[in-house]
Amino acid sequence: AERLLELGEQANAVLLGPGMVDDEAVGALLRALLPRMSQPTAVLD
């Protein structure tokens, strides 16, 4: 999540989800990432 936050700060849009597996890990990642990612437009699929 921390590395993704660094990348997300420089992005205008972030797409999360294509090809993701391990539902438990995905849920934990979203909870750690999205509430702190205020800048880009988030697209979830």
PDB file of all heavy atoms in Angstrom:
ATOM      1  N   ALA A   1       0.819  -1.218   0.000  1.00  0.00           N
ATOM      2  CA  ALA A   1       0.000   0.000   0.000  1.00  0.00           C
ATOM      3  C   ALA A   1       0.852   1.268   0.000  1.00  0.00           C
ATOM      4  O   ALA A   1       0.543   2.233  -0.700  1.00  0.00           O
ATOM      5  CB  ALA A   1      -0.953  -0.004   1.196  1.00  0.00           C
ATOM      6  N   GLU A   2       1.936   1.290   0.780  1.00  0.00           N
ATOM      7  CA  GLU A   2       2.757   2.496   0.857  1.00  0.00           C
ATOM      8  C   GLU A   2       3.396   2.821  -0.492  1.00  0.00           C
ATOM      9  O   GLU A   2       3.443   3.978  -0.913  1.00  0.00           O
ATOM     10  CB  GLU A   2       3.837   2.346   1.932  1.00  0.00           C
ATOM     11  CG  GLU A   2       3.303   2.250   3.354  1.00  0.00           C
ATOM     12  CD  GLU A   2       2.501   3.481   3.752  1.00  0.00           C
ATOM     13  OE1 GLU A   2       2.879   4.611   3.341  1.00  0.00           O
ATOM     14  OE2 GLU A   2       1.498   3.320   4.463  1.00  0.00           O
ATOM     15  N   ARG A   3       3.899   1.815  -1.171  1.00  0.00           N
ATOM     16  CA  ARG A   3       4.489   2.036  -2.505  1.00  0.00           C
ATOM     17  C   ARG A   3       3.424   2.513  -3.478  1.00  0.00           C
ATOM     18  O   ARG A   3       3.679   3.413  -4.305  1.00  0.00           O
ATOM     19  CB  ARG A   3       5.125   0.738  -3.007  1.00  0.00           C
ATOM     20  CG  ARG A   3       5.759   0.858  -4.397  1.00  0.00           C
ATOM     21  CD  ARG A   3       6.974   1.762  -4.368  1.00  0.00           C
ATOM     22  NE  ARG A   3       7.658   1.796  -5.654  1.00  0.00           N
ATOM     23  CZ  ARG A   3       7.810   2.905  -6.381  1.00  0.00           C
ATOM     24  NH1 ARG A   3       7.307   4.046  -5.955  1.00  0.00           N
ATOM     25  NH2 ARG A   3       8.462   2.863  -7.518  1.00  0.00           N
ATOM     26  N   LEU A   4       2.239   1.963  -3.386  1.00  0.00           N
ATOM     27  CA  LEU A   4       1.171   2.381  -4.286  1.00  0.00           C
ATOM     28  C   LEU A   4       0.725   3.810  -3.990  1.00  0.00           C
ATOM     29  O   LEU A   4       0.356   4.546  -4.908  1.00  0.00           O
ATOM     30  CB  LEU A   4      -0.015   1.416  -4.174  1.00  0.00           C
ATOM     31  CG  LEU A   4       0.245   0.026  -4.744  1.00  0.00           C
ATOM     32  CD1 LEU A   4      -0.923  -0.906  -4.426  1.00  0.00           C
ATOM     33  CD2 LEU A   4       0.472   0.092  -6.251  1.00  0.00           C
ATOM     34  N   LEU A   5       0.756   4.204  -2.733  1.00  0.00           N
ATOM     35  CA  LEU A   5       0.436   5.593  -2.410  1.00  0.00           C
ATOM     36  C   LEU A   5       1.443   6.547  -3.037  1.00  0.00           C
ATOM     37  O   LEU A   5       1.072   7.611  -3.544  1.00  0.00           O
ATOM     38  CB  LEU A   5       0.405   5.785  -0.894  1.00  0.00           C
ATOM     39  CG  LEU A   5      -0.869   5.316  -0.194  1.00  0.00           C
ATOM     40  CD1 LEU A   5      -0.658   5.300   1.317  1.00  0.00           C
ATOM     41  CD2 LEU A   5      -2.047   6.209  -0.553  1.00  0.00           C
ATOM     42  N   GLU A   6       2.716   6.186  -3.034  1.00  0.00           N
ATOM     43  CA  GLU A   6       3.745   7.013  -3.669  1.00  0.00           C
ATOM     44  C   GLU A   6       3.462   7.167  -5.162  1.00  0.00           C
ATOM     45  O   GLU A   6       3.543   8.268  -5.714  1.00  0.00           O
ATOM     46  CB  GLU A   6       5.123   6.390  -3.475  1.00  0.00           C
ATOM     47  CG  GLU A   6       5.606   6.362  -2.044  1.00  0.00           C
ATOM     48  CD  GLU A   6       6.916   5.603  -1.907  1.00  0.00           C
ATOM     49  OE1 GLU A   6       7.507   5.256  -2.956  1.00  0.00           O
ATOM     50  OE2 GLU A   6       7.354   5.353  -0.770  1.00  0.00           O
ATOM     51  N   LEU A   7       3.127   6.062  -5.800  1.00  0.00           N
ATOM     52  CA  LEU A   7       2.825   6.112  -7.227  1.00  0.00           C
ATOM     53  C   LEU A   7       1.541   6.882  -7.488  1.00  0.00           C
ATOM     54  O   LEU A   7       1.440   7.655  -8.445  1.00  0.00           O
ATOM     55  CB  LEU A   7       2.711   4.691  -7.790  1.00  0.00           C
ATOM     56  CG  LEU A   7       3.980   3.838  -7.754  1.00  0.00           C
ATOM     57  CD1 LEU A   7       3.662   2.390  -8.108  1.00  0.00           C
ATOM     58  CD2 LEU A   7       5.037   4.400  -8.703  1.00  0.00           C
ATOM     59  N   GLY A   8       0.537   6.660  -6.637  1.00  0.00           N
ATOM     60  CA  GLY A   8      -0.758   7.296  -6.830  1.00  0.00           C
ATOM     61  C   GLY A   8      -0.711   8.801  -6.691  1.00  0.00           C
ATOM     62  O   GLY A   8      -1.498   9.518  -7.331  1.00  0.00           O
ATOM     63  N   GLU A   9       0.208   9.322  -5.893  1.00  0.00           N
ATOM     64  CA  GLU A   9       0.327  10.768  -5.723  1.00  0.00           C
ATOM     65  C   GLU A   9       0.691  11.461  -7.026  1.00  0.00           C
ATOM     66  O   GLU A   9       0.414  12.645  -7.205  1.00  0.00           O
ATOM     67  CB  GLU A   9       1.384  11.081  -4.653  1.00  0.00           C
ATOM     68  CG  GLU A   9       0.923  10.799  -3.231  1.00  0.00           C
ATOM     69  CD  GLU A   9       2.032  11.031  -2.222  1.00  0.00           C
ATOM     70  OE1 GLU A   9       3.152  11.407  -2.650  1.00  0.00           O
ATOM     71  OE2 GLU A   9       1.786  10.853  -1.012  1.00  0.00           O
ATOM     72  N   GLN A  10       1.324  10.747  -7.928  1.00  0.00           N
ATOM     73  CA  GLN A  10       1.743  11.326  -9.199  1.00  0.00           C
ATOM     74  C   GLN A  10       0.740  11.060 -10.321  1.00  0.00           C
ATOM     75  O   GLN A  10       0.936  11.525 -11.451  1.00  0.00           O
ATOM     76  CB  GLN A  10       3.105  10.742  -9.601  1.00  0.00           C
ATOM     77  CG  GLN A  10       4.184  10.878  -8.546  1.00  0.00           C
ATOM     78  CD  GLN A  10       5.406  10.059  -8.910  1.00  0.00           C
ATOM     79  OE1 GLN A  10       5.803   9.957 -10.061  1.00  0.00           O
ATOM     80  NE2 GLN A  10       6.017   9.438  -7.914  1.00  0.00           N
ATOM     81  N   ALA A  11      -0.305  10.307 -10.032  1.00  0.00           N
ATOM     82  CA  ALA A  11      -1.245   9.896 -11.072  1.00  0.00           C
ATOM     83  C   ALA A  11      -2.484  10.788 -11.094  1.00  0.00           C
ATOM     84  O   ALA A  11      -2.868  11.362 -10.082  1.00  0.00           O
ATOM     85  CB  ALA A  11      -1.660   8.442 -10.864  1.00  0.00           C
ATOM     86  N   ASN A  12      -3.102  10.865 -12.268  1.00  0.00           N
ATOM     87  CA  ASN A  12      -4.391  11.549 -12.408  1.00  0.00           C
ATOM     88  C   ASN A  12      -5.556  10.580 -12.277  1.00  0.00           C
ATOM     89  O   ASN A  12      -6.670  10.992 -11.938  1.00  0.00           O
ATOM     90  CB  ASN A  12      -4.456  12.264 -13.752  1.00  0.00           C
ATOM     91  CG  ASN A  12      -3.326  13.260 -13.922  1.00  0.00           C
ATOM     92  OD1 ASN A  12      -2.304  12.932 -14.540  1.00  0.00           O
ATOM     93  ND2 ASN A  12      -3.471  14.445 -13.375  1.00  0.00           N
ATOM     94  N   ALA A  13      -5.308   9.315 -12.576  1.00  0.00           N
ATOM     95  CA  ALA A  13      -6.331   8.277 -12.433  1.00  0.00           C
ATOM     96  C   ALA A  13      -5.650   6.985 -12.024  1.00  0.00           C
ATOM     97  O   ALA A  13      -4.546   6.674 -12.492  1.00  0.00           O
ATOM     98  CB  ALA A  13      -7.099   8.077 -13.729  1.00  0.00           C
ATOM     99  N   VAL A  14      -6.302   6.246 -11.138  1.00  0.00           N
ATOM    100  CA  VAL A  14      -5.801   4.948 -10.684  1.00  0.00           C
ATOM    101  C   VAL A  14      -6.889   3.908 -10.904  1.00  0.00           C
ATOM    102  O   VAL A  14      -8.016   4.073 -10.431  1.00  0.00           O
ATOM    103  CB  VAL A  14      -5.406   4.973  -9.196  1.00  0.00           C
ATOM    104  CG1 VAL A  14      -4.975   3.589  -8.728  1.00  0.00           C
ATOM    105  CG2 VAL A  14      -4.282   5.979  -8.950  1.00  0.00           C
ATOM    106  N   LEU A  15      -6.562   2.872 -11.642  1.00  0.00           N
ATOM    107  CA  LEU A  15      -7.471   1.750 -11.865  1.00  0.00           C
ATOM    108  C   LEU A  15      -7.027   0.586 -11.005  1.00  0.00           C
ATOM    109  O   LEU A  15      -5.868   0.147 -11.084  1.00  0.00           O
ATOM    110  CB  LEU A  15      -7.467   1.349 -13.344  1.00  0.00           C
ATOM    111  CG  LEU A  15      -8.145   0.029 -13.711  1.00  0.00           C
ATOM    112  CD1 LEU A  15      -9.610   0.011 -13.300  1.00  0.00           C
ATOM    113  CD2 LEU A  15      -7.996  -0.242 -15.215  1.00  0.00           C
ATOM    114  N   LEU A  16      -7.944   0.078 -10.182  1.00  0.00           N
ATOM    115  CA  LEU A  16      -7.655  -1.058  -9.318  1.00  0.00           C
ATOM    116  C   LEU A  16      -8.603  -2.208  -9.639  1.00  0.00           C
ATOM    117  O   LEU A  16      -9.807  -1.991  -9.776  1.00  0.00           O
ATOM    118  CB  LEU A  16      -7.829  -0.686  -7.845  1.00  0.00           C
ATOM    119  CG  LEU A  16      -6.932   0.427  -7.323  1.00  0.00           C
ATOM    120  CD1 LEU A  16      -7.765   1.627  -6.919  1.00  0.00           C
ATOM    121  CD2 LEU A  16      -6.124  -0.051  -6.132  1.00  0.00           C
ATOM    122  N   GLY A  17      -8.047  -3.414  -9.777  1.00  0.00           N
ATOM    123  CA  GLY A  17      -8.911  -4.579  -9.866  1.00  0.00           C
ATOM    124  C   GLY A  17      -8.685  -5.561 -10.981  1.00  0.00           C
ATOM    125  O   GLY A  17      -8.905  -6.761 -10.783  1.00  0.00           O
ATOM    126  N   PRO A  18      -8.291  -5.144 -12.195  1.00  0.00           N
ATOM    127  CA  PRO A  18      -8.193  -6.129 -13.276  1.00  0.00           C
ATOM    128  C   PRO A  18      -7.231  -7.266 -12.950  1.00  0.00           C
ATOM    129  O   PRO A  18      -6.080  -7.039 -12.591  1.00  0.00           O
ATOM    130  CB  PRO A  18      -7.672  -5.297 -14.460  1.00  0.00           C
ATOM    131  CG  PRO A  18      -8.120  -3.912 -14.175  1.00  0.00           C
ATOM    132  CD  PRO A  18      -8.035  -3.775 -12.685  1.00  0.00           C
ATOM    133  N   GLY A  19      -7.728  -8.481 -13.028  1.00  0.00           N
ATOM    134  CA  GLY A  19      -6.889  -9.652 -12.810  1.00  0.00           C
ATOM    135  C   GLY A  19      -6.513  -9.918 -11.373  1.00  0.00           C
ATOM    136  O   GLY A  19      -5.694 -10.806 -11.099  1.00  0.00           O
ATOM    137  N   MET A  20      -7.092  -9.199 -10.413  1.00  0.00           N
ATOM    138  CA  MET A  20      -6.717  -9.409  -9.014  1.00  0.00           C
ATOM    139  C   MET A  20      -7.318 -10.702  -8.470  1.00  0.00           C
ATOM    140  O   MET A  20      -8.465 -11.039  -8.788  1.00  0.00           O
ATOM    141  CB  MET A  20      -7.187  -8.236  -8.153  1.00  0.00           C
ATOM    142  CG  MET A  20      -6.244  -7.045  -8.155  1.00  0.00           C
ATOM    143  SD  MET A  20      -6.807  -5.760  -7.010  1.00  0.00           S
ATOM    144  CE  MET A  20      -5.261  -4.919  -6.690  1.00  0.00           C
ATOM    145  N   VAL A  21      -6.546 -11.394  -7.622  1.00  0.00           N
ATOM    146  CA  VAL A  21      -7.022 -12.576  -6.917  1.00  0.00           C
ATOM    147  C   VAL A  21      -6.713 -12.413  -5.438  1.00  0.00           C
ATOM    148  O   VAL A  21      -6.095 -11.424  -5.033  1.00  0.00           O
ATOM    149  CB  VAL A  21      -6.369 -13.869  -7.459  1.00  0.00           C
ATOM    150  CG1 VAL A  21      -6.682 -14.057  -8.933  1.00  0.00           C
ATOM    151  CG2 VAL A  21      -4.856 -13.845  -7.237  1.00  0.00           C
ATOM    152  N   ASP A  22      -7.142 -13.381  -4.625  1.00  0.00           N
ATOM    153  CA  ASP A  22      -6.961 -13.376  -3.170  1.00  0.00           C
ATOM    154  C   ASP A  22      -7.822 -12.273  -2.555  1.00  0.00           C
ATOM    155  O   ASP A  22      -7.340 -11.184  -2.206  1.00  0.00           O
ATOM    156  CB  ASP A  22      -5.478 -13.199  -2.800  1.00  0.00           C
ATOM    157  CG  ASP A  22      -5.211 -13.487  -1.326  1.00  0.00           C
ATOM    158  OD1 ASP A  22      -6.179 -13.538  -0.536  1.00  0.00           O
ATOM    159  OD2 ASP A  22      -4.033 -13.646  -0.954  1.00  0.00           O
ATOM    160  N   ASP A  23      -9.105 -12.572  -2.417  1.00  0.00           N
ATOM    161  CA  ASP A  23     -10.075 -11.570  -1.963  1.00  0.00           C
ATOM    162  C   ASP A  23      -9.703 -10.940  -0.621  1.00  0.00           C
ATOM    163  O   ASP A  23      -9.885  -9.739  -0.414  1.00  0.00           O
ATOM    164  CB  ASP A  23     -11.467 -12.201  -1.860  1.00  0.00           C
ATOM    165  CG  ASP A  23     -12.037 -12.580  -3.212  1.00  0.00           C
ATOM    166  OD1 ASP A  23     -11.468 -12.136  -4.229  1.00  0.00           O
ATOM    167  OD2 ASP A  23     -13.041 -13.320  -3.251  1.00  0.00           O
ATOM    168  N   GLU A  24      -9.188 -11.738   0.284  1.00  0.00           N
ATOM    169  CA  GLU A  24      -8.830 -11.201   1.606  1.00  0.00           C
ATOM    170  C   GLU A  24      -7.726 -10.157   1.484  1.00  0.00           C
ATOM    171  O   GLU A  24      -7.783  -9.085   2.108  1.00  0.00           O
ATOM    172  CB  GLU A  24      -8.392 -12.336   2.532  1.00  0.00           C
ATOM    173  CG  GLU A  24      -8.097 -11.884   3.948  1.00  0.00           C
ATOM    174  CD  GLU A  24      -7.775 -13.047   4.880  1.00  0.00           C
ATOM    175  OE1 GLU A  24      -8.123 -14.191   4.546  1.00  0.00           O
ATOM    176  OE2 GLU A  24      -7.166 -12.788   5.937  1.00  0.00           O
ATOM    177  N   ALA A  25      -6.720 -10.445   0.668  1.00  0.00           N
ATOM    178  CA  ALA A  25      -5.624  -9.505   0.471  1.00  0.00           C
ATOM    179  C   ALA A  25      -6.099  -8.250  -0.252  1.00  0.00           C
ATOM    180  O   ALA A  25      -5.660  -7.132   0.077  1.00  0.00           O
ATOM    181  CB  ALA A  25      -4.493 -10.172  -0.313  1.00  0.00           C
ATOM    182  N   VAL A  26      -6.983  -8.415  -1.225  1.00  0.00           N
ATOM    183  CA  VAL A  26      -7.510  -7.252  -1.946  1.00  0.00           C
ATOM    184  C   VAL A  26      -8.255  -6.331  -0.990  1.00  0.00           C
ATOM    185  O   VAL A  26      -8.087  -5.100  -1.013  1.00  0.00           O
ATOM    186  CB  VAL A  26      -8.428  -7.689  -3.105  1.00  0.00           C
ATOM    187  CG1 VAL A  26      -9.080  -6.469  -3.753  1.00  0.00           C
ATOM    188  CG2 VAL A  26      -7.640  -8.468  -4.145  1.00  0.00           C
ATOM    189  N   GLY A  27      -9.075  -6.915  -0.126  1.00  0.00           N
ATOM    190  CA  GLY A  27      -9.814  -6.114   0.839  1.00  0.00           C
ATOM    191  C   GLY A  27      -8.890  -5.334   1.759  1.00  0.00           C
ATOM    192  O   GLY A  27      -9.105  -4.141   2.016  1.00  0.00           O
ATOM    193  N   ALA A  28      -7.846  -5.981   2.251  1.00  0.00           N
ATOM    194  CA  ALA A  28      -6.890  -5.310   3.131  1.00  0.00           C
ATOM    195  C   ALA A  28      -6.152  -4.203   2.393  1.00  0.00           C
ATOM    196  O   ALA A  28      -5.897  -3.127   2.949  1.00  0.00           O
ATOM    197  CB  ALA A  28      -5.900  -6.327   3.692  1.00  0.00           C
ATOM    198  N   LEU A  29      -5.830  -4.448   1.134  1.00  0.00           N
ATOM    199  CA  LEU A  29      -5.136  -3.433   0.337  1.00  0.00           C
ATOM    200  C   LEU A  29      -6.030  -2.208   0.119  1.00  0.00           C
ATOM    201  O   LEU A  29      -5.578  -1.064   0.269  1.00  0.00           O
ATOM    202  CB  LEU A  29      -4.718  -4.028  -1.006  1.00  0.00           C
ATOM    203  CG  LEU A  29      -3.947  -3.099  -1.946  1.00  0.00           C
ATOM    204  CD1 LEU A  29      -2.598  -2.722  -1.351  1.00  0.00           C
ATOM    205  CD2 LEU A  29      -3.769  -3.750  -3.315  1.00  0.00           C
ATOM    206  N   LEU A  30      -7.278  -2.423  -0.208  1.00  0.00           N
ATOM    207  CA  LEU A  30      -8.197  -1.299  -0.420  1.00  0.00           C
ATOM    208  C   LEU A  30      -8.366  -0.482   0.853  1.00  0.00           C
ATOM    209  O   LEU A  30      -8.393   0.755   0.809  1.00  0.00           O
ATOM    210  CB  LEU A  30      -9.554  -1.804  -0.901  1.00  0.00           C
ATOM    211  CG  LEU A  30      -9.623  -2.472  -2.275  1.00  0.00           C
ATOM    212  CD1 LEU A  30     -11.064  -2.808  -2.624  1.00  0.00           C
ATOM    213  CD2 LEU A  30      -9.002  -1.610  -3.360  1.00  0.00           C
ATOM    214  N   ARG A  31      -8.496  -1.154   1.976  1.00  0.00           N
ATOM    215  CA  ARG A  31      -8.671  -0.438   3.249  1.00  0.00           C
ATOM    216  C   ARG A  31      -7.437   0.383   3.611  1.00  0.00           C
ATOM    217  O   ARG A  31      -7.545   1.453   4.224  1.00  0.00           O
ATOM    218  CB  ARG A  31      -9.008  -1.424   4.370  1.00  0.00           C
ATOM    219  CG  ARG A  31     -10.393  -2.041   4.236  1.00  0.00           C
ATOM    220  CD  ARG A  31     -10.774  -2.823   5.482  1.00  0.00           C
ATOM    221  NE  ARG A  31      -9.914  -3.987   5.712  1.00  0.00           N
ATOM    222  CZ  ARG A  31     -10.113  -5.182   5.171  1.00  0.00           C
ATOM    223  NH1 ARG A  31     -11.158  -5.378   4.364  1.00  0.00           N
ATOM    224  NH2 ARG A  31      -9.302  -6.201   5.448  1.00  0.00           N
ATOM    225  N   ALA A  32      -6.269  -0.106   3.236  1.00  0.00           N
ATOM    226  CA  ALA A  32      -5.035   0.615   3.537  1.00  0.00           C
ATOM    227  C   ALA A  32      -4.756   1.728   2.538  1.00  0.00           C
ATOM    228  O   ALA A  32      -4.083   2.711   2.872  1.00  0.00           O
ATOM    229  CB  ALA A  32      -3.854  -0.364   3.556  1.00  0.00           C
ATOM    230  N   LEU A  33      -5.270   1.588   1.337  1.00  0.00           N
ATOM    231  CA  LEU A  33      -4.911   2.493   0.246  1.00  0.00           C
ATOM    232  C   LEU A  33      -5.936   3.595  -0.008  1.00  0.00           C
ATOM    233  O   LEU A  33      -5.610   4.790   0.012  1.00  0.00           O
ATOM    234  CB  LEU A  33      -4.699   1.664  -1.025  1.00  0.00           C
ATOM    235  CG  LEU A  33      -4.339   2.399  -2.315  1.00  0.00           C
ATOM    236  CD1 LEU A  33      -3.001   3.117  -2.156  1.00  0.00           C
ATOM    237  CD2 LEU A  33      -4.285   1.410  -3.480  1.00  0.00           C
ATOM    238  N   LEU A  34      -7.175   3.222  -0.241  1.00  0.00           N
ATOM    239  CA  LEU A  34      -8.159   4.186  -0.741  1.00  0.00           C
ATOM    240  C   LEU A  34      -8.441   5.350   0.213  1.00  0.00           C
ATOM    241  O   LEU A  34      -8.539   6.496  -0.242  1.00  0.00           O
ATOM    242  CB  LEU A  34      -9.458   3.460  -1.094  1.00  0.00           C
ATOM    243  CG  LEU A  34      -9.419   2.657  -2.399  1.00  0.00           C
ATOM    244  CD1 LEU A  34     -10.696   1.850  -2.563  1.00  0.00           C
ATOM    245  CD2 LEU A  34      -9.213   3.567  -3.602  1.00  0.00           C
ATOM    246  N   PRO A  35      -8.584   5.130   1.522  1.00  0.00           N
ATOM    247  CA  PRO A  35      -8.884   6.279   2.384  1.00  0.00           C
ATOM    248  C   PRO A  35      -7.785   7.347   2.395  1.00  0.00           C
ATOM    249  O   PRO A  35      -8.031   8.487   2.794  1.00  0.00           O
ATOM    250  CB  PRO A  35      -9.037   5.642   3.774  1.00  0.00           C
ATOM    251  CG  PRO A  35      -9.413   4.226   3.503  1.00  0.00           C
ATOM    252  CD  PRO A  35      -8.639   3.865   2.275  1.00  0.00           C
ATOM    253  N   ARG A  36      -6.594   7.007   1.956  1.00  0.00           N
ATOM    254  CA  ARG A  36      -5.469   7.946   1.960  1.00  0.00           C
ATOM    255  C   ARG A  36      -5.122   8.449   0.563  1.00  0.00           C
ATOM    256  O   ARG A  36      -4.200   9.249   0.400  1.00  0.00           O
ATOM    257  CB  ARG A  36      -4.246   7.256   2.577  1.00  0.00           C
ATOM    258  CG  ARG A  36      -4.472   6.806   4.010  1.00  0.00           C
ATOM    259  CD  ARG A  36      -3.409   5.827   4.450  1.00  0.00           C
ATOM    260  NE  ARG A  36      -2.068   6.403   4.406  1.00  0.00           N
ATOM    261  CZ  ARG A  36      -0.953   5.674   4.458  1.00  0.00           C
ATOM    262  NH1 ARG A  36      -1.030   4.345   4.558  1.00  0.00           N
ATOM    263  NH2 ARG A  36       0.224   6.255   4.416  1.00  0.00           N
ATOM    264  N   MET A  37      -5.867   8.017  -0.435  1.00  0.00           N
ATOM    265  CA  MET A  37      -5.551   8.361  -1.827  1.00  0.00           C
ATOM    266  C   MET A  37      -6.559   9.398  -2.323  1.00  0.00           C
ATOM    267  O   MET A  37      -7.496   9.069  -3.043  1.00  0.00           O
ATOM    268  CB  MET A  37      -5.590   7.096  -2.687  1.00  0.00           C
ATOM    269  CG  MET A  37      -4.930   7.254  -4.045  1.00  0.00           C
ATOM    270  SD  MET A  37      -5.082   5.736  -5.016  1.00  0.00           S
ATOM    271  CE  MET A  37      -6.846   5.749  -5.365  1.00  0.00           C
ATOM    272  N   SER A  38      -6.366  10.644  -1.940  1.00  0.00           N
ATOM    273  CA  SER A  38      -7.374  11.660  -2.237  1.00  0.00           C
ATOM    274  C   SER A  38      -7.209  12.302  -3.608  1.00  0.00           C
ATOM    275  O   SER A  38      -8.162  12.837  -4.158  1.00  0.00           O
ATOM    276  CB  SER A  38      -7.323  12.764  -1.170  1.00  0.00           C
ATOM    277  OG  SER A  38      -6.047  13.383  -1.161  1.00  0.00           O
ATOM    278  N   GLN A  39      -6.030  12.255  -4.206  1.00  0.00           N
ATOM    279  CA  GLN A  39      -5.750  13.046  -5.397  1.00  0.00           C
ATOM    280  C   GLN A  39      -6.363  12.487  -6.690  1.00  0.00           C
ATOM    281  O   GLN A  39      -7.139  13.167  -7.347  1.00  0.00           O
ATOM    282  CB  GLN A  39      -4.236  13.216  -5.568  1.00  0.00           C
ATOM    283  CG  GLN A  39      -3.813  14.013  -6.791  1.00  0.00           C
ATOM    284  CD  GLN A  39      -4.262  15.459  -6.743  1.00  0.00           C
ATOM    285  OE1 GLN A  39      -4.446  16.015  -5.673  1.00  0.00           O
ATOM    286  NE2 GLN A  39      -4.456  16.061  -7.908  1.00  0.00           N
ATOM    287  N   PRO A  40      -6.013  11.271  -7.121  1.00  0.00           N
ATOM    288  CA  PRO A  40      -6.466  10.824  -8.442  1.00  0.00           C
ATOM    289  C   PRO A  40      -7.917  10.341  -8.446  1.00  0.00           C
ATOM    290  O   PRO A  40      -8.496  10.020  -7.397  1.00  0.00           O
ATOM    291  CB  PRO A  40      -5.516   9.655  -8.746  1.00  0.00           C
ATOM    292  CG  PRO A  40      -5.173   9.107  -7.410  1.00  0.00           C
ATOM    293  CD  PRO A  40      -5.127  10.286  -6.478  1.00  0.00           C
ATOM    294  N   THR A  41      -8.492  10.278  -9.643  1.00  0.00           N
ATOM    295  CA  THR A  41      -9.779   9.614  -9.816  1.00  0.00           C
ATOM    296  C   THR A  41      -9.558   8.113  -9.707  1.00  0.00           C
ATOM    297  O   THR A  41      -8.707   7.549 -10.396  1.00  0.00           O
ATOM    298  CB  THR A  41     -10.385   9.940 -11.191  1.00  0.00           C
ATOM    299  OG1 THR A  41     -10.632  11.345 -11.265  1.00  0.00           O
ATOM    300  CG2 THR A  41     -11.695   9.187 -11.398  1.00  0.00           C
ATOM    301  N   ALA A  42     -10.323   7.452  -8.849  1.00  0.00           N
ATOM    302  CA  ALA A  42     -10.202   6.004  -8.661  1.00  0.00           C
ATOM    303  C   ALA A  42     -11.247   5.290  -9.502  1.00  0.00           C
ATOM    304  O   ALA A  42     -12.423   5.659  -9.483  1.00  0.00           O
ATOM    305  CB  ALA A  42     -10.382   5.639  -7.198  1.00  0.00           C
ATOM    306  N   VAL A  43     -10.816   4.290 -10.247  1.00  0.00           N
ATOM    307  CA  VAL A  43     -11.705   3.433 -11.028  1.00  0.00           C
ATOM    308  C   VAL A  43     -11.544   2.026 -10.484  1.00  0.00           C
ATOM    309  O   VAL A  43     -10.419   1.516 -10.406  1.00  0.00           O
ATOM    310  CB  VAL A  43     -11.361   3.473 -12.532  1.00  0.00           C
ATOM    311  CG1 VAL A  43     -12.321   2.593 -13.329  1.00  0.00           C
ATOM    312  CG2 VAL A  43     -11.381   4.911 -13.052  1.00  0.00           C
ATOM    313  N   LEU A  44     -12.648   1.400 -10.082  1.00  0.00           N
ATOM    314  CA  LEU A  44     -12.592   0.070  -9.479  1.00  0.00           C
ATOM    315  C   LEU A  44     -13.366  -0.920 -10.322  1.00  0.00           C
ATOM    316  O   LEU A  44     -14.523  -0.677 -10.698  1.00  0.00           O
ATOM    317  CB  LEU A  44     -13.150   0.095  -8.048  1.00  0.00           C
ATOM    318  CG  LEU A  44     -12.213   0.688  -6.989  1.00  0.00           C
ATOM    319  CD1 LEU A  44     -12.238   2.205  -7.026  1.00  0.00           C
ATOM    320  CD2 LEU A  44     -12.570   0.206  -5.599  1.00  0.00           C
ATOM    321  N   ASP A  45     -12.733  -2.052 -10.589  1.00  0.00           N
ATOM    322  CA  ASP A  45     -13.321  -3.074 -11.447  1.00  0.00           C
ATOM    323  C   ASP A  45     -12.957  -4.447 -10.891  1.00  0.00           C
ATOM    324  O   ASP A  45     -12.037  -4.601 -10.089  1.00  0.00           O
ATOM    325  CB  ASP A  45     -12.779  -2.915 -12.879  1.00  0.00           C
ATOM    326  CG  ASP A  45     -13.415  -3.883 -13.859  1.00  0.00           C
ATOM    327  OD1 ASP A  45     -14.658  -3.932 -13.920  1.00  0.00           O
ATOM    328  OD2 ASP A  45     -12.684  -4.602 -14.566  1.00  0.00           O
TER     329      ASP A  45
END
